[in-house]
Structures are given as structure tokens and as C-alpha cells.
C-alpha atoms as a PDB file:
ATOM      1  CA  MET A   1      86.729  44.414  80.958  1.00  0.00           C
ATOM      2  CA  LYS A   2      84.549  41.477  79.840  1.00  0.00           C
ATOM      3  CA  ILE A   3      82.924  41.251  83.276  1.00  0.00           C
ATOM      4  CA  LYS A   4      82.207  44.979  83.243  1.00  0.00           C
ATOM      5  CA  ALA A   5      80.741  44.756  79.750  1.00  0.00           C
ATOM      6  CA  TRP A   6      78.437  41.912  80.777  1.00  0.00           C
ATOM      7  CA  THR A   7      77.420  43.893  83.874  1.00  0.00           C
ATOM      8  CA  VAL A   8      76.418  46.839  81.682  1.00  0.00           C
ATOM      9  CA  VAL A   9      74.468  44.546  79.342  1.00  0.00           C
ATOM     10  CA  GLY A  10      72.740  42.910  82.306  1.00  0.00           C
ATOM     11  CA  ARG A  11      71.761  46.255  83.778  1.00  0.00           C
ATOM     12  CA  LEU A  12      70.397  47.480  80.440  1.00  0.00           C
ATOM     13  CA  LEU A  13      68.428  44.252  80.046  1.00  0.00           C
ATOM     14  CA  LEU A  14      66.942  44.539  83.542  1.00  0.00           C
ATOM     15  CA  ILE A  15      66.072  48.212  82.973  1.00  0.00           C
ATOM     16  CA  THR A  16      64.288  47.256  79.743  1.00  0.00           C
ATOM     17  CA  VAL A  17      62.384  44.434  81.456  1.00  0.00           C
ATOM     18  CA  LEU A  18      61.364  46.742  84.307  1.00  0.00           C
ATOM     19  CA  PHE A  19      60.043  49.356  81.903  1.00  0.00           C
ATOM     20  CA  ILE A  20      58.125  46.899  79.722  1.00  0.00           C
ATOM     21  CA  LEU A  21      56.672  45.008  82.700  1.00  0.00           C
ATOM     22  CA  ALA A  22      55.580  48.205  84.443  1.00  0.00           C
ATOM     23  CA  LEU A  23      53.913  49.526  81.286  1.00  0.00           C
ATOM     24  CA  TRP A  24      52.289  46.204  80.360  1.00  0.00           C
ATOM     25  CA  GLY A  25      51.022  45.537  83.881  1.00  0.00           C
ATOM     26  CA  THR A  26      49.580  49.031  84.251  1.00  0.00           C
ATOM     27  CA  LEU A  27      47.676  48.734  80.973  1.00  0.00           C
ATOM     28  CA  ALA A  28      46.558  45.155  81.708  1.00  0.00           C
ATOM     29  CA  LEU A  29      45.006  46.259  84.998  1.00  0.00           C
ATOM     30  CA  TYR A  30      43.466  49.405  83.590  1.00  0.00           C
ATOM     31  CA  PHE A  31      41.840  47.628  80.626  1.00  0.00           C
ATOM     32  CA  SER A  32      40.848  44.523  82.579  1.00  0.00           C
ATOM     33  CA  GLU A  33      37.404  43.310  83.557  1.00  0.00           C
ATOM     34  CA  LEU A  34      37.939  45.404  86.671  1.00  0.00           C
ATOM     35  CA  ASP A  35      36.921  48.426  84.580  1.00  0.00           C
ATOM     36  CA  LYS A  36      33.365  47.296  85.386  1.00  0.00           C
ATOM     37  CA  MET A  37      34.120  48.195  88.996  1.00  0.00           C
ATOM     38  CA  PRO A  38      35.525  51.717  88.759  1.00  0.00           C
ATOM     39  CA  PRO A  39      37.665  53.123  90.220  1.00  0.00           C
ATOM     40  CA  LEU A  40      39.199  49.771  91.254  1.00  0.00           C
ATOM     41  CA  ASN A  41      40.893  49.231  87.886  1.00  0.00           C
ATOM     42  CA  SER A  42      42.356  52.746  87.910  1.00  0.00           C
ATOM     43  CA  VAL A  43      43.557  52.473  91.503  1.00  0.00           C
ATOM     44  CA  LEU A  44      45.281  49.127  90.928  1.00  0.00           C
ATOM     45  CA  ALA A  45      46.811  50.347  87.680  1.00  0.00           C
ATOM     46  CA  ILE A  46      48.188  53.459  89.380  1.00  0.00           C
ATOM     47  CA  VAL A  47      49.575  51.466  92.323  1.00  0.00           C
ATOM     48  CA  PHE A  48      51.283  48.962  90.026  1.00  0.00           C
ATOM     49  CA  GLY A  49      52.611  51.699  87.747  1.00  0.00           C
ATOM     50  CA  MET A  50      53.999  53.667  90.707  1.00  0.00           C
ATOM     51  CA  ALA A  51      55.640  50.531  92.117  1.00  0.00           C
ATOM     52  CA  GLY A  52      57.229  49.929  88.737  1.00  0.00           C
ATOM     53  CA  ALA A  53      58.409  53.532  88.456  1.00  0.00           C
ATOM     54  CA  TRP A  54      59.824  53.368  92.016  1.00  0.00           C
ATOM     55  CA  ALA A  55      61.733  50.178  91.196  1.00  0.00           C
ATOM     56  CA  PHE A  56      62.966  51.632  87.914  1.00  0.00           C
ATOM     57  CA  ILE A  57      64.215  54.882  89.449  1.00  0.00           C
ATOM     58  CA  SER A  58      65.776  53.087  92.415  1.00  0.00           C
ATOM     59  CA  PHE A  59      67.665  50.696  90.173  1.00  0.00           C
ATOM     60  CA  VAL A  60      68.873  53.406  87.799  1.00  0.00           C
ATOM     61  CA  ALA A  61      69.613  56.246  90.217  1.00  0.00           C
ATOM     62  CA  LEU A  62      69.966  54.561  93.624  1.00  0.00           C
ATOM     63  CA  LYS A  63      72.029  51.518  92.759  1.00  0.00           C
ATOM     64  CA  ASN A  64      72.032  49.960  96.213  1.00  0.00           C
ATOM     65  CA  LYS A  65      68.269  50.126  96.808  1.00  0.00           C
ATOM     66  CA  THR A  66      66.888  46.589  96.373  1.00  0.00           C
ATOM     67  CA  GLY A  67      63.736  47.037  98.444  1.00  0.00           C
ATOM     68  CA  PRO A  68      61.679  48.635  95.642  1.00  0.00           C
ATOM     69  CA  LEU A  69      62.783  45.861  93.262  1.00  0.00           C
ATOM     70  CA  ILE A  70      61.606  43.179  95.701  1.00  0.00           C
ATOM     71  CA  ILE A  71      58.247  44.898  96.238  1.00  0.00           C
ATOM     72  CA  PHE A  72      57.709  45.332  92.506  1.00  0.00           C
ATOM     73  CA  GLY A  73      58.733  41.702  91.993  1.00  0.00           C
ATOM     74  CA  VAL A  74      56.042  40.558  94.435  1.00  0.00           C
ATOM     75  CA  PHE A  75      53.449  42.746  92.705  1.00  0.00           C
ATOM     76  CA  SER A  76      54.503  41.302  89.348  1.00  0.00           C
ATOM     77  CA  VAL A  77      54.142  37.706  90.560  1.00  0.00           C
ATOM     78  CA  LEU A  78      50.653  38.477  91.860  1.00  0.00           C
ATOM     79  CA  LEU A  79      49.806  40.131  88.547  1.00  0.00           C
ATOM     80  CA  MET A  80      50.938  37.056  86.601  1.00  0.00           C
ATOM     81  CA  ILE A  81      48.917  34.732  88.823  1.00  0.00           C
ATOM     82  CA  TRP A  82      45.840  36.897  88.212  1.00  0.00           C
ATOM     83  CA  TRP A  83      46.577  37.070  84.467  1.00  0.00           C
ATOM     84  CA  TYR A  84      46.692  33.303  84.089  1.00  0.00           C
ATOM     85  CA  THR A  85      43.388  32.896  85.892  1.00  0.00           C
ATOM     86  CA  LEU A  86      41.598  34.819  83.106  1.00  0.00           C
ATOM     87  CA  GLU A  87      39.700  32.323  80.956  1.00  0.00           C
ATOM     88  CA  PRO A  88      37.746  32.872  77.726  1.00  0.00           C
ATOM     89  CA  SER A  89      34.068  31.946  77.682  1.00  0.00           C
ATOM     90  CA  ASN A  90      31.263  31.248  75.239  1.00  0.00           C
ATOM     91  CA  HIS A  91      28.707  32.285  77.849  1.00  0.00           C
ATOM     92  CA  ARG A  92      28.410  36.052  78.152  1.00  0.00           C
ATOM     93  CA  ASP A  93      25.759  38.658  77.371  1.00  0.00           C
ATOM     94  CA  TRP A  94      26.761  38.989  73.710  1.00  0.00           C
ATOM     95  CA  GLN A  95      25.838  41.655  71.202  1.00  0.00           C
ATOM     96  CA  THR A  96      23.191  40.378  68.805  1.00  0.00           C
ATOM     97  CA  ASP A  97      25.456  40.209  65.739  1.00  0.00           C
ATOM     98  CA  VAL A  98      27.866  37.793  67.470  1.00  0.00           C
ATOM     99  CA  GLU A  99      25.345  35.955  69.606  1.00  0.00           C
ATOM    100  CA  ARG A 100      25.329  32.667  67.699  1.00  0.00           C
ATOM    101  CA  LEU A 101      28.314  30.484  66.980  1.00  0.00           C
ATOM    102  CA  ALA A 102      28.523  28.763  63.619  1.00  0.00           C
ATOM    103  CA  ARG A 103      29.425  25.091  63.511  1.00  0.00           C
ATOM    104  CA  ALA A 104      30.255  22.604  60.794  1.00  0.00           C
ATOM    105  CA  GLU A 105      29.174  18.993  60.287  1.00  0.00           C
ATOM    106  CA  ILE A 106      31.755  17.318  58.069  1.00  0.00           C
ATOM    107  CA  ASN A 107      30.825  14.166  56.172  1.00  0.00           C
ATOM    108  CA  GLY A 108      33.508  13.478  53.579  1.00  0.00           C
ATOM    109  CA  ASP A 109      33.351  16.248  50.975  1.00  0.00           C
ATOM    110  CA  LEU A 110      29.978  17.442  52.228  1.00  0.00           C
ATOM    111  CA  VAL A 111      30.110  20.145  54.888  1.00  0.00           C
ATOM    112  CA  THR A 112      26.885  21.394  56.454  1.00  0.00           C
ATOM    113  CA  VAL A 113      27.419  24.790  58.037  1.00  0.00           C
ATOM    114  CA  ARG A 114      24.944  25.758  60.747  1.00  0.00           C
ATOM    115  CA  ASN A 115      24.090  29.358  61.652  1.00  0.00           C
ATOM    116  CA  VAL A 116      25.297  31.154  58.531  1.00  0.00           C
ATOM    117  CA  ARG A 117      24.592  34.803  59.338  1.00  0.00           C
ATOM    118  CA  ASN A 118      22.452  36.748  56.849  1.00  0.00           C
ATOM    119  CA  PHE A 119      21.106  39.855  58.591  1.00  0.00           C
ATOM    120  CA  ASP A 120      18.779  42.262  56.831  1.00  0.00           C
ATOM    121  CA  TYR A 121      20.238  45.722  57.492  1.00  0.00           C
ATOM    122  CA  GLN A 122      18.457  49.050  57.572  1.00  0.00           C
ATOM    123  CA  SER A 123      21.581  50.697  59.014  1.00  0.00           C
ATOM    124  CA  GLU A 124      24.768  49.524  60.694  1.00  0.00           C
ATOM    125  CA  THR A 125      23.000  49.231  64.047  1.00  0.00           C
ATOM    126  CA  ASP A 126      19.425  48.563  62.894  1.00  0.00           C
ATOM    127  CA  TYR A 127      18.956  45.078  61.489  1.00  0.00           C
ATOM    128  CA  THR A 128      16.769  42.013  61.518  1.00  0.00           C
ATOM    129  CA  PRO A 129      18.717  38.905  62.591  1.00  0.00           C
ATOM    130  CA  ALA A 130      18.503  35.917  60.255  1.00  0.00           C
ATOM    131  CA  TYR A 131      20.477  32.700  59.874  1.00  0.00           C
ATOM    132  CA  TYR A 132      20.378  29.666  57.633  1.00  0.00           C
ATOM    133  CA  ASP A 133      22.041  26.269  57.336  1.00  0.00           C
ATOM    134  CA  LYS A 134      23.661  25.211  54.088  1.00  0.00           C
ATOM    135  CA  THR A 135      25.556  22.192  52.783  1.00  0.00           C
ATOM    136  CA  PHE A 136      28.675  22.797  50.676  1.00  0.00           C
ATOM    137  CA  ASP A 137      30.471  20.224  48.537  1.00  0.00           C
ATOM    138  CA  VAL A 138      34.201  20.821  49.064  1.00  0.00           C
ATOM    139  CA  SER A 139      34.996  18.926  45.852  1.00  0.00           C
ATOM    140  CA  GLN A 140      33.194  21.751  44.006  1.00  0.00           C
ATOM    141  CA  LEU A 141      35.150  24.584  45.627  1.00  0.00           C
ATOM    142  CA  THR A 142      36.487  26.753  42.795  1.00  0.00           C
ATOM    143  CA  SER A 143      37.781  29.975  44.365  1.00  0.00           C
ATOM    144  CA  ALA A 144      39.042  31.746  47.432  1.00  0.00           C
ATOM    145  CA  ASP A 145      38.729  35.528  47.439  1.00  0.00           C
ATOM    146  CA  LEU A 146      40.418  38.023  49.728  1.00  0.00           C
ATOM    147  CA  VAL A 147      38.319  40.937  50.965  1.00  0.00           C
ATOM    148  CA  ALA A 148      40.258  43.967  52.256  1.00  0.00           C
ATOM    149  CA  VAL A 149      38.375  46.766  54.017  1.00  0.00           C
ATOM    150  CA  TYR A 150      39.926  50.217  54.602  1.00  0.00           C
ATOM    151  CA  TRP A 151      38.677  53.062  56.784  1.00  0.00           C
ATOM    152  CA  MET A 152      41.771  54.760  58.243  1.00  0.00           C
ATOM    153  CA  GLY A 153      44.504  54.976  55.622  1.00  0.00           C
ATOM    154  CA  PRO A 154      46.566  52.483  53.621  1.00  0.00           C
ATOM    155  CA  ALA A 155      48.345  50.654  56.467  1.00  0.00           C
ATOM    156  CA  ILE A 156      45.321  49.285  58.339  1.00  0.00           C
ATOM    157  CA  ALA A 157      42.675  47.001  56.843  1.00  0.00           C
ATOM    158  CA  HIS A 158      40.255  44.357  58.003  1.00  0.00           C
ATOM    159  CA  THR A 159      40.772  41.278  55.842  1.00  0.00           C
ATOM    160  CA  PHE A 160      38.716  38.139  55.421  1.00  0.00           C
ATOM    161  CA  LEU A 161      38.143  35.316  52.955  1.00  0.00           C
ATOM    162  CA  SER A 162      35.165  34.240  50.881  1.00  0.00           C
ATOM    163  CA  PHE A 163      35.041  30.736  49.401  1.00  0.00           C
ATOM    164  CA  GLY A 164      33.243  30.141  46.088  1.00  0.00           C
ATOM    165  CA  PHE A 165      31.674  26.944  44.712  1.00  0.00           C
ATOM    166  CA  GLU A 166      30.646  25.711  41.259  1.00  0.00           C
ATOM    167  CA  ASN A 167      26.991  26.552  41.801  1.00  0.00           C
ATOM    168  CA  LYS A 168      28.016  30.193  42.491  1.00  0.00           C
ATOM    169  CA  ASP A 169      27.427  29.874  46.209  1.00  0.00           C
ATOM    170  CA  TYR A 170      29.829  31.816  48.413  1.00  0.00           C
ATOM    171  CA  LEU A 171      30.612  31.539  52.094  1.00  0.00           C
ATOM    172  CA  ALA A 172      32.446  34.437  53.736  1.00  0.00           C
ATOM    173  CA  ILE A 173      34.415  33.940  56.961  1.00  0.00           C
ATOM    174  CA  SER A 174      35.680  36.937  58.903  1.00  0.00           C
ATOM    175  CA  ILE A 175      37.833  36.620  62.030  1.00  0.00           C
ATOM    176  CA  GLU A 176      36.695  39.265  64.525  1.00  0.00           C
ATOM    177  CA  THR A 177      36.168  40.079  68.195  1.00  0.00           C
ATOM    178  CA  ARG A 178      33.152  38.757  70.038  1.00  0.00           C
ATOM    179  CA  LYS A 179      31.850  41.758  71.952  1.00  0.00           C
ATOM    180  CA  GLU A 180      29.485  41.880  74.875  1.00  0.00           C
ATOM    181  CA  LYS A 181      26.542  44.267  75.020  1.00  0.00           C
ATOM    182  CA  ALA A 182      27.599  47.880  75.650  1.00  0.00           C
ATOM    183  CA  GLU A 183      31.166  46.923  74.734  1.00  0.00           C
ATOM    184  CA  SER A 184      33.061  48.639  71.916  1.00  0.00           C
ATOM    185  CA  TYR A 185      36.237  47.659  70.112  1.00  0.00           C
ATOM    186  CA  SER A 186      39.566  49.049  71.252  1.00  0.00           C
ATOM    187  CA  THR A 187      42.857  48.110  69.600  1.00  0.00           C
ATOM    188  CA  ILE A 188      44.681  48.526  72.919  1.00  0.00           C
ATOM    189  CA  LYS A 189      42.159  46.431  74.870  1.00  0.00           C
ATOM    190  CA  GLY A 190      42.657  43.706  72.274  1.00  0.00           C
ATOM    191  CA  PHE A 191      46.119  43.034  73.731  1.00  0.00           C
ATOM    192  CA  PHE A 192      44.736  42.246  77.187  1.00  0.00           C
ATOM    193  CA  LYS A 193      42.314  39.296  77.024  1.00  0.00           C
ATOM    194  CA  GLN A 194      39.282  41.546  76.677  1.00  0.00           C
ATOM    195  CA  TYR A 195      37.572  39.905  73.702  1.00  0.00           C
ATOM    196  CA  GLU A 196      36.880  36.348  72.684  1.00  0.00           C
ATOM    197  CA  LEU A 197      37.944  35.282  69.200  1.00  0.00           C
ATOM    198  CA  TYR A 198      34.972  34.985  66.858  1.00  0.00           C
ATOM    199  CA  TYR A 199      34.599  33.604  63.330  1.00  0.00           C
ATOM    200  CA  VAL A 200      31.782  35.424  61.554  1.00  0.00           C
ATOM    201  CA  VAL A 201      30.463  32.850  59.073  1.00  0.00           C
ATOM    202  CA  ALA A 202      28.157  34.748  56.782  1.00  0.00           C
ATOM    203  CA  ASP A 203      26.398  35.258  53.506  1.00  0.00           C
ATOM    204  CA  GLU A 204      28.205  37.882  51.418  1.00  0.00           C
ATOM    205  CA  ARG A 205      25.006  39.939  51.385  1.00  0.00           C
ATOM    206  CA  ASP A 206      25.579  40.319  55.106  1.00  0.00           C
ATOM    207  CA  VAL A 207      29.283  40.697  55.795  1.00  0.00           C
ATOM    208  CA  ILE A 208      30.251  42.552  52.594  1.00  0.00           C
ATOM    209  CA  ARG A 209      27.093  44.623  52.120  1.00  0.00           C
ATOM    210  CA  LEU A 210      27.273  45.781  55.751  1.00  0.00           C
ATOM    211  CA  ARG A 211      30.591  47.430  54.938  1.00  0.00           C
ATOM    212  CA  THR A 212      29.846  48.783  51.470  1.00  0.00           C
ATOM    213  CA  ASN A 213      26.254  49.931  51.965  1.00  0.00           C
ATOM    214  CA  TYR A 214      25.656  50.666  55.639  1.00  0.00           C
ATOM    215  CA  ARG A 215      28.811  51.693  57.462  1.00  0.00           C
ATOM    216  CA  LYS A 216      29.010  55.469  57.173  1.00  0.00           C
ATOM    217  CA  ASN A 217      30.983  56.685  60.181  1.00  0.00           C
ATOM    218  CA  PRO A 218      33.592  56.316  58.921  1.00  0.00           C
ATOM    219  CA  PRO A 219      32.773  54.984  55.429  1.00  0.00           C
ATOM    220  CA  GLU A 220      34.672  51.889  54.356  1.00  0.00           C
ATOM    221  CA  ASP A 221      36.316  51.064  51.018  1.00  0.00           C
ATOM    222  CA  VAL A 222      36.017  47.373  50.170  1.00  0.00           C
ATOM    223  CA  TYR A 223      38.329  45.572  47.732  1.00  0.00           C
ATOM    224  CA  LEU A 224      37.825  42.044  46.427  1.00  0.00           C
ATOM    225  CA  TYR A 225      40.735  39.994  45.033  1.00  0.00           C
ATOM    226  CA  ARG A 226      40.730  36.507  43.506  1.00  0.00           C
ATOM    227  CA  ALA A 227      43.499  34.315  44.915  1.00  0.00           C
ATOM    228  CA  GLN A 228      45.602  32.395  42.397  1.00  0.00           C
ATOM    229  CA  GLY A 229      46.959  28.894  42.879  1.00  0.00           C
ATOM    230  CA  ASP A 230      46.144  25.233  43.415  1.00  0.00           C
ATOM    231  CA  MET A 231      42.539  24.786  44.544  1.00  0.00           C
ATOM    232  CA  GLY A 232      43.690  21.757  46.508  1.00  0.00           C
ATOM    233  CA  ASN A 233      45.169  24.330  48.869  1.00  0.00           C
ATOM    234  CA  GLY A 234      41.865  26.182  48.872  1.00  0.00           C
ATOM    235  CA  LYS A 235      39.962  23.039  49.846  1.00  0.00           C
ATOM    236  CA  ARG A 236      42.358  22.248  52.680  1.00  0.00           C
ATOM    237  CA  LEU A 237      42.105  25.840  53.880  1.00  0.00           C
ATOM    238  CA  PHE A 238      38.293  25.741  53.817  1.00  0.00           C
ATOM    239  CA  LEU A 239      38.281  22.557  55.902  1.00  0.00           C
ATOM    240  CA  GLU A 240      40.819  24.074  58.295  1.00  0.00           C
ATOM    241  CA  TYR A 241      38.428  26.978  58.821  1.00  0.00           C
ATOM    242  CA  MET A 242      35.634  24.504  59.538  1.00  0.00           C
ATOM    243  CA  HIS A 243      37.766  22.693  62.108  1.00  0.00           C
ATOM    244  CA  ARG A 244      38.707  26.013  63.777  1.00  0.00           C
ATOM    245  CA  ILE A 245      35.028  26.987  63.968  1.00  0.00           C
ATOM    246  CA  ASN A 246      34.213  23.694  65.681  1.00  0.00           C
ATOM    247  CA  GLU A 247      37.188  24.047  68.046  1.00  0.00           C
ATOM    248  CA  LEU A 248      35.996  27.482  69.161  1.00  0.00           C
ATOM    249  CA  ASN A 249      32.579  25.996  69.908  1.00  0.00           C
ATOM    250  CA  LYS A 250      34.212  23.550  72.299  1.00  0.00           C
ATOM    251  CA  GLN A 251      37.034  25.706  73.654  1.00  0.00           C
ATOM    252  CA  PRO A 252      36.840  29.499  73.270  1.00  0.00           C
ATOM    253  CA  GLU A 253      40.016  31.535  72.832  1.00  0.00           C
ATOM    254  CA  PHE A 254      40.988  35.137  73.382  1.00  0.00           C
ATOM    255  CA  TYR A 255      41.451  37.524  70.485  1.00  0.00           C
ATOM    256  CA  ASN A 256      44.825  39.278  70.395  1.00  0.00           C
ATOM    257  CA  THR A 257      45.396  42.504  68.455  1.00  0.00           C
ATOM    258  CA  LEU A 258      48.868  41.411  67.333  1.00  0.00           C
ATOM    259  CA  MET A 259      49.099  37.629  67.508  1.00  0.00           C
ATOM    260  CA  ASP A 260      45.617  36.357  66.647  1.00  0.00           C
ATOM    261  CA  ASN A 261      43.631  38.922  64.684  1.00  0.00           C
ATOM    262  CA  CYS A 262      41.735  39.045  61.405  1.00  0.00           C
ATOM    263  CA  THR A 263      44.874  38.815  59.246  1.00  0.00           C
ATOM    264  CA  THR A 264      47.329  36.777  61.300  1.00  0.00           C
ATOM    265  CA  GLY A 265      44.465  34.319  61.814  1.00  0.00           C
ATOM    266  CA  ILE A 266      44.221  33.816  58.047  1.00  0.00           C
ATOM    267  CA  TRP A 267      47.984  33.350  57.820  1.00  0.00           C
ATOM    268  CA  MET A 268      48.008  30.804  60.656  1.00  0.00           C
ATOM    269  CA  ASN A 269      45.172  28.847  59.054  1.00  0.00           C
ATOM    270  CA  THR A 270      47.167  28.635  55.805  1.00  0.00           C
ATOM    271  CA  ASN A 271      49.755  26.609  57.738  1.00  0.00           C
ATOM    272  CA  ILE A 272      47.715  23.602  56.623  1.00  0.00           C
ATOM    273  CA  ASN A 273      49.128  24.089  53.109  1.00  0.00           C
ATOM    274  CA  PRO A 274      52.668  23.595  51.815  1.00  0.00           C
ATOM    275  CA  GLY A 275      54.370  26.700  50.453  1.00  0.00           C
ATOM    276  CA  ARG A 276      52.324  29.323  52.289  1.00  0.00           C
ATOM    277  CA  VAL A 277      53.658  32.860  52.043  1.00  0.00           C
ATOM    278  CA  PRO A 278      56.362  33.691  54.612  1.00  0.00           C
ATOM    279  CA  LEU A 279      55.525  35.902  57.569  1.00  0.00           C
ATOM    280  CA  SER A 280      56.169  39.546  56.687  1.00  0.00           C
ATOM    281  CA  TRP A 281      55.698  42.963  58.251  1.00  0.00           C
ATOM    282  CA  LYS A 282      53.072  43.473  55.527  1.00  0.00           C
ATOM    283  CA  ILE A 283      50.928  40.836  57.245  1.00  0.00           C
ATOM    284  CA  LEU A 284      51.187  42.717  60.538  1.00  0.00           C
ATOM    285  CA  ALA A 285      50.456  46.001  58.722  1.00  0.00           C
ATOM    286  CA  SER A 286      47.346  44.420  57.259  1.00  0.00           C
ATOM    287  CA  GLY A 287      46.590  47.143  54.734  1.00  0.00           C
ATOM    288  CA  TYR A 288      49.545  45.942  52.683  1.00  0.00           C
ATOM    289  CA  VAL A 289      48.440  42.302  52.550  1.00  0.00           C
ATOM    290  CA  PRO A 290      46.968  42.540  49.000  1.00  0.00           C
ATOM    291  CA  GLU A 291      50.194  44.112  47.732  1.00  0.00           C
ATOM    292  CA  TYR A 292      52.239  41.410  49.476  1.00  0.00           C
ATOM    293  CA  LEU A 293      50.142  38.634  47.960  1.00  0.00           C
ATOM    294  CA  TYR A 294      50.557  40.282  44.556  1.00  0.00           C
ATOM    295  CA  GLU A 295      54.344  40.355  45.032  1.00  0.00           C
ATOM    296  CA  THR A 296      54.385  36.658  45.974  1.00  0.00           C
ATOM    297  CA  GLY A 297      52.302  35.622  42.954  1.00  0.00           C
ATOM    298  CA  LYS A 298      49.083  34.889  44.839  1.00  0.00           C
ATOM    299  CA  LEU A 299      47.029  37.514  42.965  1.00  0.00           C
ATOM    300  CA  ASP A 300      46.535  38.329  39.277  1.00  0.00           C
ATOM    301  CA  ASN A 301      49.877  39.575  37.893  1.00  0.00           C
ATOM    302  CA  SER A 302      48.616  40.476  34.414  1.00  0.00           C
ATOM    303  CA  MET A 303      48.619  44.194  35.280  1.00  0.00           C
ATOM    304  CA  PRO A 304      50.393  46.539  37.689  1.00  0.00           C
ATOM    305  CA  PHE A 305      49.150  46.275  41.269  1.00  0.00           C
ATOM    306  CA  ARG A 306      47.866  49.851  41.246  1.00  0.00           C
ATOM    307  CA  GLU A 307      45.554  48.997  38.344  1.00  0.00           C
ATOM    308  CA  LEU A 308      44.454  45.720  39.942  1.00  0.00           C
ATOM    309  CA  LYS A 309      43.576  47.576  43.132  1.00  0.00           C
ATOM    310  CA  ARG A 310      41.610  50.206  41.213  1.00  0.00           C
ATOM    311  CA  LEU A 311      39.560  47.540  39.461  1.00  0.00           C
ATOM    312  CA  SER A 312      39.017  45.591  42.688  1.00  0.00           C
ATOM    313  CA  LEU A 313      37.073  48.307  44.526  1.00  0.00           C
ATOM    314  CA  ILE A 314      33.507  46.978  44.757  1.00  0.00           C
ATOM    315  CA  ASN A 315      31.584  49.650  46.689  1.00  0.00           C
ATOM    316  CA  GLU A 316      29.607  50.939  43.693  1.00  0.00           C
ATOM    317  CA  ARG A 317      28.771  47.425  42.491  1.00  0.00           C
ATOM    318  CA  ALA A 318      27.639  46.359  45.958  1.00  0.00           C
ATOM    319  CA  GLN A 319      25.519  49.473  46.445  1.00  0.00           C
ATOM    320  CA  ALA A 320      23.842  48.884  43.099  1.00  0.00           C
ATOM    321  CA  ALA A 321      23.235  45.182  43.797  1.00  0.00           C
ATOM    322  CA  ASP A 322      22.068  45.811  47.383  1.00  0.00           C
ATOM    323  CA  GLN A 323      19.610  43.017  48.331  1.00  0.00           C
ATOM    324  CA  ALA A 324      19.631  41.255  44.958  1.00  0.00           C
ATOM    325  CA  GLU A 325      19.731  37.470  45.024  1.00  0.00           C
ATOM    326  CA  ASN A 326      22.694  37.565  42.607  1.00  0.00           C
ATOM    327  CA  PHE A 327      24.661  39.945  44.863  1.00  0.00           C
ATOM    328  CA  SER A 328      27.825  37.824  44.751  1.00  0.00           C
ATOM    329  CA  ALA A 329      27.785  37.560  40.958  1.00  0.00           C
ATOM    330  CA  ALA A 330      27.034  41.261  40.566  1.00  0.00           C
ATOM    331  CA  ILE A 331      29.989  42.452  42.649  1.00  0.00           C
ATOM    332  CA  ARG A 332      32.343  40.219  40.625  1.00  0.00           C
ATOM    333  CA  GLU A 333      31.097  40.983  37.126  1.00  0.00           C
ATOM    334  CA  GLY A 334      33.978  42.010  34.873  1.00  0.00           C
ATOM    335  CA  MET A 335      36.559  41.906  37.654  1.00  0.00           C
ATOM    336  CA  PRO A 336      40.108  40.599  37.025  1.00  0.00           C
ATOM    337  CA  GLY A 337      40.411  36.811  37.155  1.00  0.00           C
ATOM    338  CA  MET A 338      36.802  36.207  38.195  1.00  0.00           C
ATOM    339  CA  GLU A 339      35.131  33.923  35.701  1.00  0.00           C
ATOM    340  CA  GLN A 340      32.146  33.124  37.919  1.00  0.00           C
END
């Protein structure tokens, strides 16, 4: 009986592996760089998917047919060899907004950040590129704010951090995809080595105002929350971001929709600090990150979360401030826990 039970478990496991591998391989081929050579990507995806379906059906319904399994196994090995030859690059024909990489020069507490993005927008797609260099004194870091951006319901949000200093300077850092010209974002493609990982290092008048003032289709709701806790952790986190930015200059990496995205990237960077929040499904469902941080004591607990969220919506403030030099101060005026 035990042998029979293990046989059933083994068969179920192999059936599951066959299904997942066939589906994954089909999608990987279809959404690969081969899509620039249509219909090659579609043809290869169909061939691989049919081989997987043939192996699956043969194993389930025709128990003695091993030929289809062997053929699909060979196809799978070839697919894996191809997959591991895919390498990220910093040298592609990039879209203008992700064309330059930021970098950091660290000298003790003084960090000079090169290529801080500060575009002047007329619309989401019409802008004048501009960058500046700025030196930040990490010993004067006083805050770390979470920005959560919603456009398709409560479960999905783009999140990023903005670091504040005593002189009321802020540096926002958003983990995104680095897209090539004529390339658009696809959640599914993000699973298949289709985008490089990119840290947008920007003035708040760029990265926040773009979302509050210029993105209209669909419009985006932007919330700003002040993180609570030891600023020693904030300083270590800021420096960890700087090191990651420099690493990506030297060795690019692929973005991954699940494992290395805007929110999981923040969580992984916080590994530099003791006592970071545990991994939770609310980190994977990024729209619930502010609520999760509230529950773990990382946000202002002086009021119910619903009220904190209501007060943290900054669209109207940002639209009123627009291009003002005191944009960062204006969007924070009177907000919970934000003294500066």
C-alpha cells in the first residue's frame, strides 16, 4: 500500500511539473526577445506548448507512452540552456526617462548623487529632460516616507521611498522597469527577463508630481506616509540604496514582477536593518503595504488607519503646489507625523 501511495504521489508531482513547465516555457518563448522577429516567437511557443500538451496527455491517458516525455524533456533542456544565456544590459536604446543611470559617490557621511532626475513635464509623455547632482549629509537624514500610488483598485500599488534631510531636501527613489523605446510595460512580460531593473533617483517635483499632476489615463491617487522608528535604520537603508544604485551601474539585473519589483525591492533593501517587518502576502499584494506597516507599528498609530489614509492623500496639495520650489514642504503641510 505504501509503494502504491508513493507511486500516486510521484505521478501527481510529475503531472504538476509537466503542466507548469509547459505553461512557463510557452509564455517565456512568446514574450521573449524573439517577439521582435514575428512570427518566430509564436511558432516556437506553439511548438513547445504542443510538445508539453502531448507529453501531458500521453502520461495521463497513455501510461506506457514514454516517447513524448523524452521529446518534451529534450525541448525543455534546450529551453533552459537558452534561458540561462539571456543577460541583462545597460546598453540598449532606452526611453528618454530611463536613459541615464544615477550613481553615488560616498565619502563618509557625505553622499554625492549624480544624475538626479528632475524633468519639467507638460504632460506624461511631453517633457524637458533635466538632471542635477547633489550632495547629501547622511548624518542629517531625518525621515523616510513611503509613497503609495493607486490606479487599479486597492490591491495593487506602486510604492517607493523618499528620504528627507534637515535642510528640507528630499530624494525620492523608485524601483521600476527600464524600458526600451517603443516598449510598454506588461506585468506578464515582467516574469520573463524582459526588463532591466532600474532605480529612478529623482526630485519629488519629478517622480511625485508626474503621478499627481500629469498622469490622466488612468488617473493615479498618491498617498504619502511618514515612517516611524529609529533613524539609524533610515540612514543604513539610504546607504543600502546608494550601494544598490552603484551595483546596477556595474552589473545590471533583470526586473521580476514577483521577486524583484517596486515593493519587494524595498523589503529586500531593508534586510540591512535588524527587526525589519516579516515577509507577508500584503507585501506581494502591494496595495496593502501601508496597512501592513500600520499594523506592525511602522506608521503613525495615533488614529485609525482609515483616517490616516484619508489624510495622507496628497493629489490636491501637489496639484496646487505644481512647480513651486517648496513643493516637498507644501505636500506635507499639516499631514500626520510630518514636522518638516
